[in-house]
Amino acid sequence: MLYRESGQFKTSYKADMAIFPIRQDLWGVITTLIVAVVIVPAFASEHMIVGYLLPF
């Protein structure tokens, strides 16, 4: 485990049933999406985009 879940208390049932109930999970997903959608295409070569990223 990379982080501790202690100290992140939920005050409602809706907050407890959230898709990302822990803040680190939400920020990790946001960071991964930004890197995948913005950073990689901005700095990738044409070969990498056509050969590796396009099939996915």
N, C-alpha and C. Protein backbone atom coordinates (compact mmCIF):
# COMPACT_ATOMS: atom_id res chain seq x y z
N MET A 1 0.85 -1.16 0.00
CA MET A 1 0.00 0.00 0.00
C MET A 1 0.90 1.23 0.00
N LEU A 2 0.56 2.20 -0.84
CA LEU A 2 1.39 3.38 -1.00
C LEU A 2 1.00 4.51 -0.06
N TYR A 3 -0.14 4.45 0.56
CA TYR A 3 -0.62 5.53 1.41
C TYR A 3 -1.48 4.95 2.52
N ARG A 4 -1.74 5.77 3.50
CA ARG A 4 -2.58 5.33 4.62
C ARG A 4 -3.98 5.89 4.47
N GLU A 5 -4.95 5.08 4.78
CA GLU A 5 -6.35 5.50 4.69
C GLU A 5 -6.83 6.15 5.98
N SER A 6 -6.03 6.14 7.01
CA SER A 6 -6.48 6.69 8.29
C SER A 6 -6.60 8.21 8.20
N GLY A 7 -7.58 8.75 8.89
CA GLY A 7 -7.79 10.18 8.92
C GLY A 7 -8.69 10.71 7.82
N GLN A 8 -9.15 9.86 6.93
CA GLN A 8 -10.04 10.29 5.86
C GLN A 8 -11.43 9.73 6.14
N PHE A 9 -12.15 10.41 7.02
CA PHE A 9 -13.45 9.94 7.48
C PHE A 9 -14.55 10.46 6.57
N LYS A 10 -15.55 9.66 6.38
CA LYS A 10 -16.70 10.02 5.55
C LYS A 10 -17.84 10.47 6.47
N THR A 11 -18.54 11.51 6.04
CA THR A 11 -19.62 12.04 6.87
C THR A 11 -21.00 11.64 6.38
N SER A 12 -21.07 11.00 5.21
CA SER A 12 -22.37 10.58 4.70
C SER A 12 -22.20 9.26 3.95
N TYR A 13 -23.32 8.61 3.73
CA TYR A 13 -23.31 7.36 2.98
C TYR A 13 -22.91 7.61 1.53
N LYS A 14 -23.35 8.73 0.96
CA LYS A 14 -23.00 9.08 -0.41
C LYS A 14 -21.48 9.25 -0.56
N ALA A 15 -20.84 9.90 0.38
CA ALA A 15 -19.39 10.08 0.33
C ALA A 15 -18.67 8.75 0.49
N ASP A 16 -19.23 7.86 1.29
CA ASP A 16 -18.62 6.56 1.51
C ASP A 16 -18.72 5.67 0.27
N MET A 17 -19.75 5.87 -0.54
CA MET A 17 -19.97 5.04 -1.73
C MET A 17 -19.42 5.68 -3.01
N ALA A 18 -18.59 6.69 -2.89
CA ALA A 18 -18.04 7.37 -4.06
C ALA A 18 -17.13 6.43 -4.84
N ILE A 19 -16.94 6.73 -6.12
CA ILE A 19 -16.08 5.90 -6.97
C ILE A 19 -14.65 5.91 -6.45
N PHE A 20 -14.16 7.09 -6.08
CA PHE A 20 -12.83 7.22 -5.49
C PHE A 20 -12.98 7.80 -4.08
N PRO A 21 -13.20 6.95 -3.09
CA PRO A 21 -13.45 7.47 -1.74
C PRO A 21 -12.22 8.06 -1.07
N ILE A 22 -11.04 7.75 -1.57
CA ILE A 22 -9.81 8.25 -0.97
C ILE A 22 -9.21 9.29 -1.91
N ARG A 23 -8.81 10.44 -1.36
CA ARG A 23 -8.30 11.53 -2.18
C ARG A 23 -7.11 11.14 -3.02
N GLN A 24 -6.22 10.30 -2.50
CA GLN A 24 -5.04 9.90 -3.26
C GLN A 24 -5.43 9.11 -4.50
N ASP A 25 -6.49 8.33 -4.42
CA ASP A 25 -6.97 7.58 -5.60
C ASP A 25 -7.43 8.55 -6.69
N LEU A 26 -8.20 9.54 -6.29
CA LEU A 26 -8.71 10.52 -7.26
C LEU A 26 -7.57 11.28 -7.92
N TRP A 27 -6.62 11.76 -7.14
CA TRP A 27 -5.50 12.51 -7.71
C TRP A 27 -4.60 11.61 -8.55
N GLY A 28 -4.47 10.36 -8.19
CA GLY A 28 -3.70 9.43 -9.02
C GLY A 28 -4.33 9.21 -10.38
N VAL A 29 -5.64 9.06 -10.42
CA VAL A 29 -6.35 8.86 -11.69
C VAL A 29 -6.28 10.13 -12.53
N ILE A 30 -6.48 11.29 -11.92
CA ILE A 30 -6.40 12.55 -12.66
C ILE A 30 -5.00 12.75 -13.23
N THR A 31 -3.97 12.49 -12.45
CA THR A 31 -2.59 12.63 -12.92
C THR A 31 -2.30 11.68 -14.06
N THR A 32 -2.72 10.43 -13.94
CA THR A 32 -2.50 9.45 -15.00
C THR A 32 -3.20 9.86 -16.29
N LEU A 33 -4.43 10.35 -16.19
CA LEU A 33 -5.16 10.79 -17.38
C LEU A 33 -4.50 12.00 -18.04
N ILE A 34 -4.02 12.94 -17.24
CA ILE A 34 -3.34 14.11 -17.81
C ILE A 34 -2.08 13.69 -18.54
N VAL A 35 -1.31 12.80 -17.94
CA VAL A 35 -0.08 12.32 -18.59
C VAL A 35 -0.42 11.57 -19.87
N ALA A 36 -1.43 10.72 -19.84
CA ALA A 36 -1.78 9.91 -21.00
C ALA A 36 -2.39 10.73 -22.13
N VAL A 37 -3.15 11.76 -21.80
CA VAL A 37 -3.87 12.51 -22.83
C VAL A 37 -3.09 13.75 -23.31
N VAL A 38 -2.29 14.36 -22.44
CA VAL A 38 -1.63 15.61 -22.80
C VAL A 38 -0.12 15.44 -22.99
N ILE A 39 0.56 14.90 -22.00
CA ILE A 39 2.02 14.87 -22.01
C ILE A 39 2.57 13.90 -23.04
N VAL A 40 2.09 12.67 -23.06
CA VAL A 40 2.62 11.67 -24.00
C VAL A 40 2.41 12.09 -25.45
N PRO A 41 1.21 12.48 -25.87
CA PRO A 41 1.05 12.89 -27.27
C PRO A 41 1.86 14.14 -27.63
N ALA A 42 2.09 15.03 -26.68
CA ALA A 42 2.83 16.26 -26.97
C ALA A 42 4.30 15.98 -27.26
N PHE A 43 4.88 14.98 -26.61
CA PHE A 43 6.31 14.73 -26.75
C PHE A 43 6.64 13.44 -27.49
N ALA A 44 5.64 12.69 -27.90
CA ALA A 44 5.89 11.42 -28.59
C ALA A 44 6.20 11.67 -30.06
N SER A 45 7.04 10.81 -30.61
CA SER A 45 7.34 10.91 -32.03
C SER A 45 6.19 10.31 -32.84
N GLU A 46 6.20 10.56 -34.15
CA GLU A 46 5.15 10.02 -35.01
C GLU A 46 5.19 8.49 -35.01
N HIS A 47 6.40 7.92 -34.97
CA HIS A 47 6.53 6.46 -34.94
C HIS A 47 5.85 5.88 -33.70
N MET A 48 6.05 6.50 -32.56
CA MET A 48 5.45 5.99 -31.32
C MET A 48 3.93 6.12 -31.35
N ILE A 49 3.44 7.23 -31.87
CA ILE A 49 1.99 7.43 -31.91
C ILE A 49 1.33 6.43 -32.85
N VAL A 50 1.87 6.27 -34.05
CA VAL A 50 1.26 5.37 -35.04
C VAL A 50 1.48 3.91 -34.67
N GLY A 51 2.66 3.57 -34.21
CA GLY A 51 2.99 2.17 -33.95
C GLY A 51 2.52 1.63 -32.62
N TYR A 52 2.54 2.46 -31.60
CA TYR A 52 2.24 1.95 -30.26
C TYR A 52 0.92 2.46 -29.70
N LEU A 53 0.62 3.73 -29.86
CA LEU A 53 -0.56 4.31 -29.23
C LEU A 53 -1.83 4.13 -30.04
N LEU A 54 -1.74 4.17 -31.35
CA LEU A 54 -2.92 4.06 -32.20
C LEU A 54 -3.66 2.73 -32.07
N PRO A 55 -2.96 1.59 -31.95
CA PRO A 55 -3.70 0.33 -31.80
C PRO A 55 -4.56 0.25 -30.54
N PHE A 56 -4.23 1.00 -29.51
CA PHE A 56 -5.01 0.96 -28.29
C PHE A 56 -6.17 1.90 -28.38
